[in-house]
C-alpha cells in the first residue's frame, strides 16, 4: 500500500514538472525572443550628420562591401534588442559613429 502511494505521488510530481516546463516553453515562444538588429550604412553621403540619418541605414547591405581599412563610411552597427537605431545614433557625430561601427566602407 505504501509503495503504491509512493509511486502515485511520484507520477503526479513528474506530471506537475512536465506541465510547468511545457507552460514555460509556450510562454517564451509567445513573447518572442528579442535579438539585436544589425543595420548597414547604405548611403554614399559623408557629410557631417549624415551617418546619424536613419534613412541612410538598412537591415540589408546593398551598398558596397565592408572590407575597407580606412574609416570613410561606417559599415554596420548593432542595435540592442528593445532599442532603436535612432536611439543608438542620436546626438552622435560621424566620428563617434565610425568608432562604434563594425568595419568600414570606401
N, C-alpha and C. Protein backbone atom coordinates (compact mmCIF):
# COMPACT_ATOMS: atom_id res chain seq x y z
N UNK A 1 0.82 -1.19 0.00
CA UNK A 1 0.00 0.00 0.00
C UNK A 1 0.87 1.26 0.00
N UNK A 2 1.93 1.29 0.86
CA UNK A 2 2.82 2.45 0.91
C UNK A 2 3.57 2.60 -0.41
N UNK A 3 3.96 1.49 -1.02
CA UNK A 3 4.68 1.55 -2.30
C UNK A 3 3.79 2.12 -3.38
N UNK A 4 2.53 1.68 -3.39
CA UNK A 4 1.58 2.19 -4.39
C UNK A 4 1.37 3.69 -4.20
N UNK A 5 1.26 4.14 -2.98
CA UNK A 5 1.07 5.55 -2.66
C UNK A 5 2.31 6.36 -3.07
N UNK A 6 3.49 5.79 -2.81
CA UNK A 6 4.74 6.45 -3.17
C UNK A 6 4.83 6.64 -4.68
N UNK A 7 4.57 5.57 -5.46
CA UNK A 7 4.64 5.67 -6.92
C UNK A 7 3.58 6.62 -7.47
N UNK A 8 2.41 6.60 -6.88
CA UNK A 8 1.35 7.50 -7.30
C UNK A 8 1.77 8.95 -7.09
N UNK A 9 2.38 9.25 -5.97
CA UNK A 9 2.88 10.61 -5.67
C UNK A 9 3.99 11.01 -6.63
N UNK A 10 4.88 10.07 -6.94
CA UNK A 10 5.99 10.35 -7.84
C UNK A 10 5.48 10.65 -9.25
N UNK A 11 4.46 9.91 -9.69
CA UNK A 11 3.88 10.13 -11.01
C UNK A 11 3.25 11.51 -11.08
N UNK A 12 2.50 11.89 -10.05
CA UNK A 12 1.87 13.21 -10.03
C UNK A 12 2.93 14.33 -9.99
N UNK A 13 4.00 14.10 -9.25
CA UNK A 13 5.07 15.10 -9.19
C UNK A 13 5.74 15.26 -10.56
N UNK A 14 5.97 14.15 -11.23
CA UNK A 14 6.58 14.20 -12.56
C UNK A 14 5.66 14.89 -13.55
N UNK A 15 4.37 14.62 -13.50
CA UNK A 15 3.40 15.28 -14.37
C UNK A 15 3.36 16.79 -14.10
N UNK A 16 3.46 17.16 -12.85
CA UNK A 16 3.48 18.57 -12.48
C UNK A 16 4.70 19.29 -13.05
N UNK A 17 5.87 18.66 -12.96
CA UNK A 17 7.09 19.24 -13.52
C UNK A 17 6.99 19.36 -15.03
N UNK A 18 6.44 18.34 -15.67
CA UNK A 18 6.27 18.37 -17.13
C UNK A 18 5.34 19.51 -17.53
N UNK A 19 4.25 19.67 -16.82
CA UNK A 19 3.28 20.73 -17.13
C UNK A 19 3.92 22.11 -16.95
N UNK A 20 4.70 22.28 -15.90
CA UNK A 20 5.37 23.57 -15.67
C UNK A 20 6.37 23.87 -16.78
N UNK A 21 7.14 22.88 -17.18
CA UNK A 21 8.12 23.07 -18.26
C UNK A 21 7.43 23.40 -19.58
N UNK A 22 6.35 22.72 -19.87
CA UNK A 22 5.62 22.96 -21.12
C UNK A 22 5.02 24.36 -21.13
N UNK A 23 4.48 24.79 -20.02
CA UNK A 23 3.90 26.13 -19.92
C UNK A 23 4.97 27.20 -20.12
N UNK A 24 6.12 27.04 -19.51
CA UNK A 24 7.22 27.99 -19.67
C UNK A 24 7.69 28.03 -21.11
N UNK A 25 7.77 26.90 -21.75
CA UNK A 25 8.21 26.83 -23.14
C UNK A 25 7.25 27.60 -24.04
N UNK A 26 5.95 27.41 -23.87
CA UNK A 26 4.97 28.11 -24.70
C UNK A 26 4.97 29.60 -24.40
N UNK A 27 5.17 29.98 -23.16
CA UNK A 27 5.18 31.40 -22.80
C UNK A 27 6.37 32.10 -23.46
N UNK A 28 7.52 31.45 -23.53
CA UNK A 28 8.69 32.03 -24.18
C UNK A 28 8.44 32.24 -25.66
N UNK A 29 7.79 31.30 -26.31
CA UNK A 29 7.52 31.42 -27.74
C UNK A 29 6.52 32.53 -28.02
N UNK A 30 5.53 32.68 -27.15
CA UNK A 30 4.52 33.71 -27.36
C UNK A 30 5.12 35.10 -27.25
N UNK A 31 6.01 35.30 -26.31
CA UNK A 31 6.64 36.60 -26.13
C UNK A 31 7.63 36.88 -27.25
N UNK A 32 8.22 35.86 -27.79
CA UNK A 32 9.21 36.02 -28.84
C UNK A 32 10.54 36.43 -28.23
N UNK A 33 11.56 35.77 -28.65
CA UNK A 33 12.89 36.11 -28.16
C UNK A 33 13.39 37.34 -28.91
N UNK A 34 13.76 38.36 -28.18
CA UNK A 34 14.26 39.58 -28.81
C UNK A 34 15.76 39.43 -29.06
N UNK A 35 16.18 39.84 -30.24
CA UNK A 35 17.59 39.77 -30.59
C UNK A 35 18.06 41.13 -31.09
N UNK A 36 19.36 41.34 -31.05
CA UNK A 36 19.93 42.57 -31.58
C UNK A 36 19.70 42.63 -33.08
N UNK A 37 19.64 43.84 -33.63
CA UNK A 37 19.45 44.04 -35.06
C UNK A 37 20.68 44.74 -35.62
N UNK A 38 21.20 44.24 -36.73
CA UNK A 38 22.33 44.86 -37.40
C UNK A 38 21.82 45.72 -38.54
N UNK A 39 22.27 46.98 -38.55
CA UNK A 39 21.92 47.91 -39.62
C UNK A 39 23.18 48.25 -40.41
N UNK A 40 23.04 48.33 -41.74
CA UNK A 40 24.15 48.64 -42.63
C UNK A 40 23.98 50.04 -43.20
N UNK A 41 25.08 50.77 -43.31
CA UNK A 41 25.05 52.09 -43.90
C UNK A 41 24.98 51.92 -45.41
N UNK A 42 23.94 52.46 -46.04
CA UNK A 42 23.71 52.22 -47.47
C UNK A 42 23.78 53.51 -48.29
N UNK A 43 24.29 54.57 -47.73
CA UNK A 43 24.39 55.85 -48.44
C UNK A 43 25.86 56.14 -48.75
N UNK A 44 26.08 56.96 -49.74
CA UNK A 44 27.45 57.40 -50.04
C UNK A 44 27.73 58.75 -49.38
N UNK A 45 26.75 59.31 -48.71
CA UNK A 45 26.86 60.61 -48.06
C UNK A 45 27.83 60.54 -46.88
N UNK A 46 28.83 61.45 -46.88
CA UNK A 46 29.82 61.51 -45.80
C UNK A 46 29.78 62.84 -45.06
N UNK A 47 28.82 63.69 -45.41
CA UNK A 47 28.72 64.99 -44.75
C UNK A 47 28.47 64.81 -43.26
N UNK A 48 28.91 65.81 -42.47
CA UNK A 48 28.70 65.75 -41.03
C UNK A 48 27.20 65.64 -40.74
N UNK A 49 26.85 64.67 -39.92
CA UNK A 49 25.46 64.42 -39.56
C UNK A 49 24.79 63.37 -40.44
N UNK A 50 25.42 63.02 -41.55
CA UNK A 50 24.82 62.04 -42.47
C UNK A 50 24.74 60.65 -41.85
N UNK A 51 25.73 60.29 -41.06
CA UNK A 51 25.77 58.93 -40.52
C UNK A 51 24.67 58.67 -39.50
N UNK A 52 24.16 59.72 -38.86
CA UNK A 52 23.08 59.51 -37.88
C UNK A 52 21.70 59.62 -38.50
N UNK A 53 21.63 59.88 -39.79
CA UNK A 53 20.35 59.94 -40.50
C UNK A 53 19.86 58.50 -40.71
N UNK A 54 18.79 58.12 -40.03
CA UNK A 54 18.32 56.72 -40.07
C UNK A 54 17.86 56.29 -41.46
N UNK A 55 17.55 57.24 -42.33
CA UNK A 55 17.16 56.86 -43.69
C UNK A 55 18.35 56.37 -44.51
N UNK A 56 19.57 56.55 -44.00
CA UNK A 56 20.78 56.08 -44.68
C UNK A 56 21.18 54.67 -44.24
N UNK A 57 20.36 54.02 -43.44
CA UNK A 57 20.66 52.69 -42.90
C UNK A 57 19.58 51.70 -43.31
N UNK A 58 19.98 50.43 -43.44
CA UNK A 58 19.04 49.38 -43.81
C UNK A 58 19.50 48.07 -43.18
N UNK A 59 18.59 47.13 -43.02
CA UNK A 59 18.95 45.83 -42.44
C UNK A 59 19.62 44.92 -43.46
N UNK A 60 19.64 45.33 -44.73
CA UNK A 60 20.38 44.59 -45.76
C UNK A 60 21.48 45.47 -46.32
N UNK A 61 22.62 44.87 -46.56
CA UNK A 61 23.77 45.61 -47.07
C UNK A 61 23.68 45.70 -48.58
N UNK A 62 23.23 46.83 -49.09
CA UNK A 62 23.02 46.97 -50.52
C UNK A 62 23.96 48.00 -51.16
N UNK A 63 24.98 48.43 -50.43
CA UNK A 63 25.84 49.47 -50.96
C UNK A 63 27.30 49.21 -50.59
N UNK A 64 27.93 48.28 -51.24
CA UNK A 64 29.35 48.04 -51.03
C UNK A 64 29.68 47.06 -49.94
N UNK A 65 30.91 46.58 -50.00
CA UNK A 65 31.38 45.62 -49.01
C UNK A 65 31.95 46.36 -47.80
N UNK A 66 32.18 45.62 -46.76
CA UNK A 66 32.66 46.19 -45.50
C UNK A 66 34.14 45.91 -45.29
N UNK A 67 34.90 45.81 -46.36
CA UNK A 67 36.29 45.40 -46.23
C UNK A 67 37.31 46.52 -46.14
N UNK A 68 36.89 47.76 -46.14
CA UNK A 68 37.85 48.87 -46.12
C UNK A 68 38.53 48.98 -44.76
N UNK A 69 39.80 49.30 -44.78
CA UNK A 69 40.54 49.55 -43.54
C UNK A 69 40.52 51.04 -43.19
N UNK A 70 40.14 51.86 -44.16
CA UNK A 70 40.07 53.30 -43.96
C UNK A 70 38.65 53.67 -43.54
N UNK A 71 38.53 54.39 -42.43
CA UNK A 71 37.19 54.72 -41.92
C UNK A 71 36.52 55.88 -42.67
N UNK A 72 36.16 55.64 -43.94
CA UNK A 72 35.47 56.66 -44.72
C UNK A 72 33.98 56.71 -44.41
N UNK A 73 33.36 55.54 -44.37
CA UNK A 73 31.93 55.40 -44.05
C UNK A 73 31.78 54.20 -43.13
N UNK A 74 30.79 54.23 -42.25
CA UNK A 74 30.56 53.05 -41.39
C UNK A 74 30.03 51.89 -42.22
N UNK A 75 30.26 50.69 -41.77
CA UNK A 75 29.69 49.52 -42.43
C UNK A 75 28.39 49.15 -41.74
N UNK A 76 28.46 48.79 -40.47
CA UNK A 76 27.26 48.36 -39.76
C UNK A 76 27.36 48.71 -38.29
N UNK A 77 26.20 48.81 -37.67
CA UNK A 77 26.11 48.98 -36.22
C UNK A 77 25.08 47.99 -35.71
N UNK A 78 25.27 47.55 -34.50
CA UNK A 78 24.35 46.62 -33.86
C UNK A 78 23.48 47.40 -32.89
N UNK A 79 22.17 47.21 -33.02
CA UNK A 79 21.21 47.88 -32.14
C UNK A 79 20.68 46.84 -31.16
N UNK A 80 20.88 47.08 -29.87
CA UNK A 80 20.42 46.10 -28.87
C UNK A 80 18.91 45.90 -28.92
N UNK A 81 18.51 44.70 -28.58
CA UNK A 81 17.08 44.36 -28.52
C UNK A 81 16.37 45.35 -27.61
N UNK A 82 15.21 45.82 -28.06
CA UNK A 82 14.43 46.75 -27.28
C UNK A 82 14.80 48.20 -27.51
N UNK A 83 15.81 48.45 -28.33
CA UNK A 83 16.23 49.80 -28.65
C UNK A 83 15.94 50.09 -30.12
N UNK A 84 16.22 51.30 -30.56
CA UNK A 84 16.02 51.67 -31.96
C UNK A 84 17.30 52.24 -32.52
N UNK A 85 17.40 52.24 -33.84
CA UNK A 85 18.57 52.82 -34.50
C UNK A 85 18.67 54.30 -34.15
N UNK A 86 17.56 54.99 -34.14
CA UNK A 86 17.56 56.41 -33.82
C UNK A 86 18.10 56.66 -32.41
N UNK A 87 17.72 55.82 -31.47
CA UNK A 87 18.20 55.96 -30.09
C UNK A 87 19.70 55.76 -30.01
N UNK A 88 20.22 54.78 -30.75
CA UNK A 88 21.65 54.49 -30.71
C UNK A 88 22.46 55.61 -31.35
N UNK A 89 22.00 56.12 -32.50
CA UNK A 89 22.78 57.12 -33.25
C UNK A 89 22.51 58.55 -32.83
N UNK A 90 21.44 58.79 -32.10
CA UNK A 90 21.03 60.13 -31.71
C UNK A 90 22.17 60.90 -31.04
N UNK A 91 22.37 62.11 -31.48
CA UNK A 91 23.37 63.02 -30.90
C UNK A 91 24.82 62.59 -31.11
N UNK A 92 25.09 61.58 -31.94
CA UNK A 92 26.46 61.17 -32.22
C UNK A 92 26.99 61.92 -33.44
N UNK A 93 28.28 62.19 -33.42
CA UNK A 93 28.93 62.78 -34.58
C UNK A 93 29.32 61.65 -35.54
N UNK A 94 29.70 62.01 -36.75
CA UNK A 94 30.16 60.99 -37.70
C UNK A 94 31.34 60.21 -37.12
N UNK A 95 32.25 60.91 -36.47
CA UNK A 95 33.43 60.27 -35.89
C UNK A 95 33.04 59.25 -34.81
N UNK A 96 32.07 59.58 -33.98
CA UNK A 96 31.62 58.67 -32.93
C UNK A 96 30.93 57.44 -33.54
N UNK A 97 30.19 57.64 -34.62
CA UNK A 97 29.52 56.51 -35.26
C UNK A 97 30.56 55.60 -35.93
N UNK A 98 31.59 56.18 -36.51
CA UNK A 98 32.67 55.37 -37.08
C UNK A 98 33.34 54.54 -35.98
N UNK A 99 33.43 55.09 -34.78
CA UNK A 99 34.07 54.38 -33.66
C UNK A 99 33.27 53.17 -33.22
N UNK A 100 31.94 53.20 -33.36
CA UNK A 100 31.13 52.04 -32.94
C UNK A 100 30.79 51.12 -34.10
N UNK A 101 31.20 51.50 -35.31
CA UNK A 101 30.89 50.71 -36.50
C UNK A 101 31.68 49.40 -36.52
N UNK A 102 31.05 48.36 -37.02
CA UNK A 102 31.75 47.10 -37.25
C UNK A 102 32.21 47.13 -38.71
N UNK A 103 33.46 47.52 -38.91
CA UNK A 103 34.02 47.61 -40.26
C UNK A 103 33.71 48.95 -40.90
N UNK A 104 34.30 49.12 -42.09
CA UNK A 104 34.15 50.38 -42.83
C UNK A 104 33.91 50.11 -44.29
N UNK A 105 33.37 51.12 -44.98
CA UNK A 105 33.19 51.08 -46.42
C UNK A 105 34.00 52.20 -47.04
N UNK A 106 34.44 52.00 -48.28
CA UNK A 106 35.16 53.07 -49.00
C UNK A 106 34.24 54.21 -49.33
